Amino acid sequence: MQVKCELDTNKYQIGIRVTDNEFKKINFVKDEFHGEWNYKIIPN
């Protein structure tokens, strides 16, 4: 297994909310192992 990590030092605005409609448009693919935690987001 290989793990890659990188520190992101950018600052991001907090409190941004995603609407239910926007969330439904995200193409999630759940993993077989703990799909509620592990998933991929596939480009639309």
C-alpha atoms as a PDB file:
ATOM      1  CA  MET A   1       0.000   0.000   0.000  1.00  0.00           C
ATOM      2  CA  GLN A   2       1.206   3.491  -0.783  1.00  0.00           C
ATOM      3  CA  VAL A   3      -0.048   6.642   0.865  1.00  0.00           C
ATOM      4  CA  LYS A   4       0.557  10.152  -0.436  1.00  0.00           C
ATOM      5  CA  CYS A   5      -0.159  13.234   1.589  1.00  0.00           C
ATOM      6  CA  GLU A   6       0.416  16.928   1.185  1.00  0.00           C
ATOM      7  CA  LEU A   7      -0.232  19.825   3.558  1.00  0.00           C
ATOM      8  CA  ASP A   8      -2.740  22.326   2.203  1.00  0.00           C
ATOM      9  CA  THR A   9      -1.992  25.687   3.811  1.00  0.00           C
ATOM     10  CA  ASN A  10      -4.640  27.621   1.853  1.00  0.00           C
ATOM     11  CA  LYS A  11      -7.394  29.426   3.739  1.00  0.00           C
ATOM     12  CA  TYR A  12     -10.986  28.607   2.862  1.00  0.00           C
ATOM     13  CA  GLN A  13     -14.251  30.362   3.637  1.00  0.00           C
ATOM     14  CA  ILE A  14     -16.276  28.583   6.310  1.00  0.00           C
ATOM     15  CA  GLY A  15     -20.024  28.168   6.493  1.00  0.00           C
ATOM     16  CA  ILE A  16     -20.603  27.429   2.803  1.00  0.00           C
ATOM     17  CA  ARG A  17     -23.632  25.145   2.476  1.00  0.00           C
ATOM     18  CA  VAL A  18     -24.414  22.718  -0.325  1.00  0.00           C
ATOM     19  CA  THR A  19     -28.089  22.491  -1.237  1.00  0.00           C
ATOM     20  CA  ASP A  20     -29.828  19.103  -1.426  1.00  0.00           C
ATOM     21  CA  ASN A  21     -30.148  19.574  -5.191  1.00  0.00           C
ATOM     22  CA  GLU A  22     -26.411  20.293  -5.574  1.00  0.00           C
ATOM     23  CA  PHE A  23     -25.547  17.309  -3.374  1.00  0.00           C
ATOM     24  CA  LYS A  24     -27.683  14.966  -5.503  1.00  0.00           C
ATOM     25  CA  LYS A  25     -25.623  15.948  -8.570  1.00  0.00           C
ATOM     26  CA  ILE A  26     -22.378  14.631  -7.019  1.00  0.00           C
ATOM     27  CA  ASN A  27     -21.445  11.274  -8.540  1.00  0.00           C
ATOM     28  CA  PHE A  28     -20.466   9.211  -5.470  1.00  0.00           C
ATOM     29  CA  VAL A  29     -19.375   5.590  -5.855  1.00  0.00           C
ATOM     30  CA  LYS A  30     -19.372   3.771  -2.518  1.00  0.00           C
ATOM     31  CA  ASP A  31     -16.592   1.309  -1.762  1.00  0.00           C
ATOM     32  CA  GLU A  32     -17.550  -2.275  -0.912  1.00  0.00           C
ATOM     33  CA  PHE A  33     -15.812  -1.932   2.462  1.00  0.00           C
ATOM     34  CA  HIS A  34     -17.638   0.601   4.658  1.00  0.00           C
ATOM     35  CA  GLY A  35     -19.199   2.512   1.786  1.00  0.00           C
ATOM     36  CA  GLU A  36     -20.650   4.983   4.277  1.00  0.00           C
ATOM     37  CA  TRP A  37     -17.063   6.128   4.965  1.00  0.00           C
ATOM     38  CA  ASN A  38     -15.152   5.130   1.836  1.00  0.00           C
ATOM     39  CA  TYR A  39     -16.180   6.425  -1.556  1.00  0.00           C
ATOM     40  CA  LYS A  40     -14.923   7.973  -4.773  1.00  0.00           C
ATOM     41  CA  ILE A  41     -16.255  11.100  -6.439  1.00  0.00           C
ATOM     42  CA  ILE A  42     -16.351  10.522 -10.188  1.00  0.00           C
ATOM     43  CA  PRO A  43     -16.300  13.532 -12.572  1.00  0.00           C
ATOM     44  CA  ASN A  44     -19.663  14.189 -14.227  1.00  0.00           C
END
